[in-house]
Amino acid sequence: MNIRKASVEDASEIKELVSSLSHFYLKDENSLLPEWFSKTLELSEFELRLSSEDFSSFVYSINDVIVGYISIKESSHLYHLFVAENYQGKGIAKELWNYATSDSGIDIYTVRSSIFAVPVYRRFGFKESEEATSKDGISFQSMVLVRS
């Protein structure tokens, strides 16, 4: 298995992965990210999340290169799930999701998905919980997964 707990030492590589995919949140991919969103992509913010007990974070690596990353906030909110573009469609997101949640004992998960990722979360069992919306050019879909 190529999955392990993420550490603060991974912050720079995770930041690069997430930043490379952040355009998928934009309604117009040629737009600039709003300042409030860009702040969440700063190295210091990744370091804070990776050192916080409020987040459980894991990485998927191939040949010691991080190609996937998942972070769950407060045990039930899927905060980040990113897979490098050239590795998408290979089941890495599903492996990360299953690894991070398999022994959690949590029955309800939430996510604010990019519109691009909605089909992935539907395959995990998430359902739209309200209308898709956007803020400052960032589009997202709130979703919930209820396990029985």
C-alpha atoms as a PDB file:
ATOM      1  CA  MET A   1       0.000   0.000   0.000  1.00  0.00           C
ATOM      2  CA  ASN A   2       1.268   3.445  -0.919  1.00  0.00           C
ATOM      3  CA  ILE A   3      -0.754   5.309   1.717  1.00  0.00           C
ATOM      4  CA  ARG A   4       0.681   6.769   4.906  1.00  0.00           C
ATOM      5  CA  LYS A   5      -0.144   9.448   7.456  1.00  0.00           C
ATOM      6  CA  ALA A   6       0.855  12.889   6.193  1.00  0.00           C
ATOM      7  CA  SER A   7       3.384  14.887   8.198  1.00  0.00           C
ATOM      8  CA  VAL A   8       4.341  18.546   8.389  1.00  0.00           C
ATOM      9  CA  GLU A   9       7.432  17.629   6.349  1.00  0.00           C
ATOM     10  CA  ASP A  10       5.052  16.816   3.460  1.00  0.00           C
ATOM     11  CA  ALA A  11       3.487  20.303   3.507  1.00  0.00           C
ATOM     12  CA  SER A  12       5.444  21.754   0.585  1.00  0.00           C
ATOM     13  CA  GLU A  13       4.782  18.778  -1.705  1.00  0.00           C
ATOM     14  CA  ILE A  14       1.091  18.674  -0.723  1.00  0.00           C
ATOM     15  CA  LYS A  15       0.799  22.422  -1.313  1.00  0.00           C
ATOM     16  CA  GLU A  16       2.202  21.996  -4.825  1.00  0.00           C
ATOM     17  CA  LEU A  17      -0.222  19.147  -5.579  1.00  0.00           C
ATOM     18  CA  VAL A  18      -3.291  21.031  -4.332  1.00  0.00           C
ATOM     19  CA  SER A  19      -2.249  24.301  -5.961  1.00  0.00           C
ATOM     20  CA  SER A  20      -1.781  22.558  -9.307  1.00  0.00           C
ATOM     21  CA  LEU A  21      -5.425  21.426  -9.179  1.00  0.00           C
ATOM     22  CA  SER A  22      -7.076  24.497  -7.661  1.00  0.00           C
ATOM     23  CA  HIS A  23      -8.226  25.732 -11.086  1.00  0.00           C
ATOM     24  CA  PHE A  24     -10.891  23.004 -10.968  1.00  0.00           C
ATOM     25  CA  TYR A  25     -12.744  25.126  -8.395  1.00  0.00           C
ATOM     26  CA  LEU A  26     -13.035  28.139 -10.700  1.00  0.00           C
ATOM     27  CA  LYS A  27     -16.124  28.810 -12.799  1.00  0.00           C
ATOM     28  CA  ASP A  28     -13.749  30.285 -15.390  1.00  0.00           C
ATOM     29  CA  GLU A  29     -10.436  28.459 -15.218  1.00  0.00           C
ATOM     30  CA  ASN A  30      -8.652  31.528 -16.642  1.00  0.00           C
ATOM     31  CA  SER A  31      -9.698  33.618 -13.623  1.00  0.00           C
ATOM     32  CA  LEU A  32      -7.486  34.300 -10.651  1.00  0.00           C
ATOM     33  CA  LEU A  33      -8.209  32.619  -7.354  1.00  0.00           C
ATOM     34  CA  PRO A  34      -9.812  34.964  -4.833  1.00  0.00           C
ATOM     35  CA  GLU A  35      -7.561  36.112  -1.991  1.00  0.00           C
ATOM     36  CA  TRP A  36      -9.475  34.207   0.720  1.00  0.00           C
ATOM     37  CA  PHE A  37      -9.057  30.963  -1.241  1.00  0.00           C
ATOM     38  CA  SER A  38      -5.406  31.606  -2.081  1.00  0.00           C
ATOM     39  CA  LYS A  39      -4.688  32.049   1.631  1.00  0.00           C
ATOM     40  CA  THR A  40      -5.814  28.450   2.268  1.00  0.00           C
ATOM     41  CA  LEU A  41      -3.127  27.342  -0.201  1.00  0.00           C
ATOM     42  CA  GLU A  42      -0.224  29.020   1.600  1.00  0.00           C
ATOM     43  CA  LEU A  43       2.483  26.730   2.963  1.00  0.00           C
ATOM     44  CA  SER A  44       1.864  27.943   6.515  1.00  0.00           C
ATOM     45  CA  GLU A  45      -1.808  26.943   6.250  1.00  0.00           C
ATOM     46  CA  PHE A  46      -0.882  23.414   5.144  1.00  0.00           C
ATOM     47  CA  GLU A  47       1.619  23.183   7.999  1.00  0.00           C
ATOM     48  CA  LEU A  48      -1.073  24.266  10.462  1.00  0.00           C
ATOM     49  CA  ARG A  49      -3.575  21.703   9.200  1.00  0.00           C
ATOM     50  CA  LEU A  50      -0.991  18.918   9.151  1.00  0.00           C
ATOM     51  CA  SER A  51       0.013  19.631  12.747  1.00  0.00           C
ATOM     52  CA  SER A  52      -3.546  20.119  14.028  1.00  0.00           C
ATOM     53  CA  GLU A  53      -5.394  17.389  15.902  1.00  0.00           C
ATOM     54  CA  ASP A  54      -8.564  18.621  14.140  1.00  0.00           C
ATOM     55  CA  PHE A  55      -7.379  17.098  10.840  1.00  0.00           C
ATOM     56  CA  SER A  56      -6.561  13.528   9.820  1.00  0.00           C
ATOM     57  CA  SER A  57      -4.413  13.651   6.690  1.00  0.00           C
ATOM     58  CA  PHE A  58      -2.920  10.946   4.500  1.00  0.00           C
ATOM     59  CA  VAL A  59      -0.872  10.866   1.326  1.00  0.00           C
ATOM     60  CA  TYR A  60      -0.608   8.395  -1.526  1.00  0.00           C
ATOM     61  CA  SER A  61       2.858   8.185  -3.018  1.00  0.00           C
ATOM     62  CA  ILE A  62       4.389   6.481  -6.009  1.00  0.00           C
ATOM     63  CA  ASN A  63       8.188   6.225  -6.109  1.00  0.00           C
ATOM     64  CA  ASP A  64       8.358   8.614  -3.135  1.00  0.00           C
ATOM     65  CA  VAL A  65       6.340  11.290  -4.972  1.00  0.00           C
ATOM     66  CA  ILE A  66       3.029  12.374  -3.434  1.00  0.00           C
ATOM     67  CA  VAL A  67       0.315  11.952  -6.072  1.00  0.00           C
ATOM     68  CA  GLY A  68      -2.721  11.936  -3.774  1.00  0.00           C
ATOM     69  CA  TYR A  69      -3.777  13.646  -0.558  1.00  0.00           C
ATOM     70  CA  ILE A  70      -6.809  13.455   1.710  1.00  0.00           C
ATOM     71  CA  SER A  71      -7.620  15.519   4.783  1.00  0.00           C
ATOM     72  CA  ILE A  72     -10.644  15.038   7.012  1.00  0.00           C
ATOM     73  CA  LYS A  73     -11.572  17.786   9.466  1.00  0.00           C
ATOM     74  CA  GLU A  74     -13.088  16.993  12.854  1.00  0.00           C
ATOM     75  CA  SER A  75     -13.589  13.342  11.874  1.00  0.00           C
ATOM     76  CA  SER A  76     -16.497  13.932   9.490  1.00  0.00           C
ATOM     77  CA  HIS A  77     -15.859  16.760   7.009  1.00  0.00           C
ATOM     78  CA  LEU A  78     -13.856  15.858   3.918  1.00  0.00           C
ATOM     79  CA  TYR A  79     -11.719  18.983   3.718  1.00  0.00           C
ATOM     80  CA  HIS A  80      -9.373  18.022   0.861  1.00  0.00           C
ATOM     81  CA  LEU A  81      -9.102  15.138  -1.576  1.00  0.00           C
ATOM     82  CA  PHE A  82      -6.756  15.686  -4.481  1.00  0.00           C
ATOM     83  CA  VAL A  83      -5.078  13.370  -6.988  1.00  0.00           C
ATOM     84  CA  ALA A  84      -2.484  14.589  -9.486  1.00  0.00           C
ATOM     85  CA  GLU A  85      -4.031  15.020 -12.941  1.00  0.00           C
ATOM     86  CA  ASN A  86      -1.965  12.312 -14.622  1.00  0.00           C
ATOM     87  CA  TYR A  87      -3.045   9.795 -11.930  1.00  0.00           C
ATOM     88  CA  GLN A  88      -6.771  10.569 -11.928  1.00  0.00           C
ATOM     89  CA  GLY A  89      -9.129   7.769 -12.929  1.00  0.00           C
ATOM     90  CA  LYS A  90      -6.874   5.057 -11.445  1.00  0.00           C
ATOM     91  CA  GLY A  91      -8.755   4.537  -8.173  1.00  0.00           C
ATOM     92  CA  ILE A  92      -6.349   6.514  -5.967  1.00  0.00           C
ATOM     93  CA  ALA A  93      -9.049   8.832  -4.586  1.00  0.00           C
ATOM     94  CA  LYS A  94     -11.177   5.809  -3.658  1.00  0.00           C
ATOM     95  CA  GLU A  95      -8.210   4.099  -1.983  1.00  0.00           C
ATOM     96  CA  LEU A  96      -7.462   7.242   0.035  1.00  0.00           C
ATOM     97  CA  TRP A  97     -11.128   7.636   0.995  1.00  0.00           C
ATOM     98  CA  ASN A  98     -11.461   4.011   2.086  1.00  0.00           C
ATOM     99  CA  TYR A  99      -8.188   4.127   4.029  1.00  0.00           C
ATOM    100  CA  ALA A 100      -9.066   7.352   5.845  1.00  0.00           C
ATOM    101  CA  THR A 101     -12.609   6.293   6.789  1.00  0.00           C
ATOM    102  CA  SER A 102     -12.556   2.492   7.112  1.00  0.00           C
ATOM    103  CA  ASP A 103     -12.266   2.338  10.916  1.00  0.00           C
ATOM    104  CA  SER A 104     -13.674   5.758  11.779  1.00  0.00           C
ATOM    105  CA  GLY A 105     -17.037   4.726  13.209  1.00  0.00           C
ATOM    106  CA  ILE A 106     -18.478   7.886  11.641  1.00  0.00           C
ATOM    107  CA  ASP A 107     -21.866   7.550   9.920  1.00  0.00           C
ATOM    108  CA  ILE A 108     -22.250  11.008   8.337  1.00  0.00           C
ATOM    109  CA  TYR A 109     -19.669  12.828   6.229  1.00  0.00           C
ATOM    110  CA  THR A 110     -19.903  16.201   4.519  1.00  0.00           C
ATOM    111  CA  VAL A 111     -17.917  17.792   1.701  1.00  0.00           C
ATOM    112  CA  ARG A 112     -17.925  21.018  -0.285  1.00  0.00           C
ATOM    113  CA  SER A 113     -16.976  19.563  -3.632  1.00  0.00           C
ATOM    114  CA  SER A 114     -15.699  21.354  -6.671  1.00  0.00           C
ATOM    115  CA  ILE A 115     -18.227  20.908  -9.468  1.00  0.00           C
ATOM    116  CA  PHE A 116     -15.563  18.897 -11.301  1.00  0.00           C
ATOM    117  CA  ALA A 117     -15.337  16.323  -8.471  1.00  0.00           C
ATOM    118  CA  VAL A 118     -19.077  15.775  -7.891  1.00  0.00           C
ATOM    119  CA  PRO A 119     -19.133  12.534  -9.953  1.00  0.00           C
ATOM    120  CA  VAL A 120     -16.297  11.108  -7.829  1.00  0.00           C
ATOM    121  CA  TYR A 121     -18.136  11.827  -4.595  1.00  0.00           C
ATOM    122  CA  ARG A 122     -21.368  10.394  -5.993  1.00  0.00           C
ATOM    123  CA  ARG A 123     -19.483   7.126  -6.621  1.00  0.00           C
ATOM    124  CA  PHE A 124     -18.455   7.171  -2.936  1.00  0.00           C
ATOM    125  CA  GLY A 125     -22.149   7.486  -2.004  1.00  0.00           C
ATOM    126  CA  PHE A 126     -22.387  11.241  -1.377  1.00  0.00           C
ATOM    127  CA  LYS A 127     -25.567  13.061  -2.381  1.00  0.00           C
ATOM    128  CA  GLU A 128     -26.105  16.748  -3.047  1.00  0.00           C
ATOM    129  CA  SER A 129     -27.440  18.387   0.110  1.00  0.00           C
ATOM    130  CA  GLU A 130     -28.272  21.822  -1.329  1.00  0.00           C
ATOM    131  CA  GLU A 131     -28.036  23.761  -4.571  1.00  0.00           C
ATOM    132  CA  ALA A 132     -24.600  24.274  -6.098  1.00  0.00           C
ATOM    133  CA  THR A 133     -23.314  27.750  -5.427  1.00  0.00           C
ATOM    134  CA  SER A 134     -20.351  29.997  -6.051  1.00  0.00           C
ATOM    135  CA  LYS A 135     -18.464  32.658  -4.162  1.00  0.00           C
ATOM    136  CA  ASP A 136     -16.052  35.065  -5.854  1.00  0.00           C
ATOM    137  CA  GLY A 137     -15.753  32.778  -8.876  1.00  0.00           C
ATOM    138  CA  ILE A 138     -15.261  29.574  -6.843  1.00  0.00           C
ATOM    139  CA  SER A 139     -18.014  27.031  -7.561  1.00  0.00           C
ATOM    140  CA  PHE A 140     -18.851  24.236  -5.162  1.00  0.00           C
ATOM    141  CA  GLN A 141     -21.478  21.669  -4.327  1.00  0.00           C
ATOM    142  CA  SER A 142     -22.329  20.793  -0.721  1.00  0.00           C
ATOM    143  CA  MET A 143     -22.793  17.046  -0.331  1.00  0.00           C
ATOM    144  CA  VAL A 144     -23.457  14.542   2.437  1.00  0.00           C
ATOM    145  CA  LEU A 145     -22.870  10.820   2.821  1.00  0.00           C
ATOM    146  CA  VAL A 146     -24.921   8.857   5.341  1.00  0.00           C
ATOM    147  CA  ARG A 147     -23.657   5.355   6.067  1.00  0.00           C
ATOM    148  CA  SER A 148     -26.136   2.823   7.349  1.00  0.00           C
END
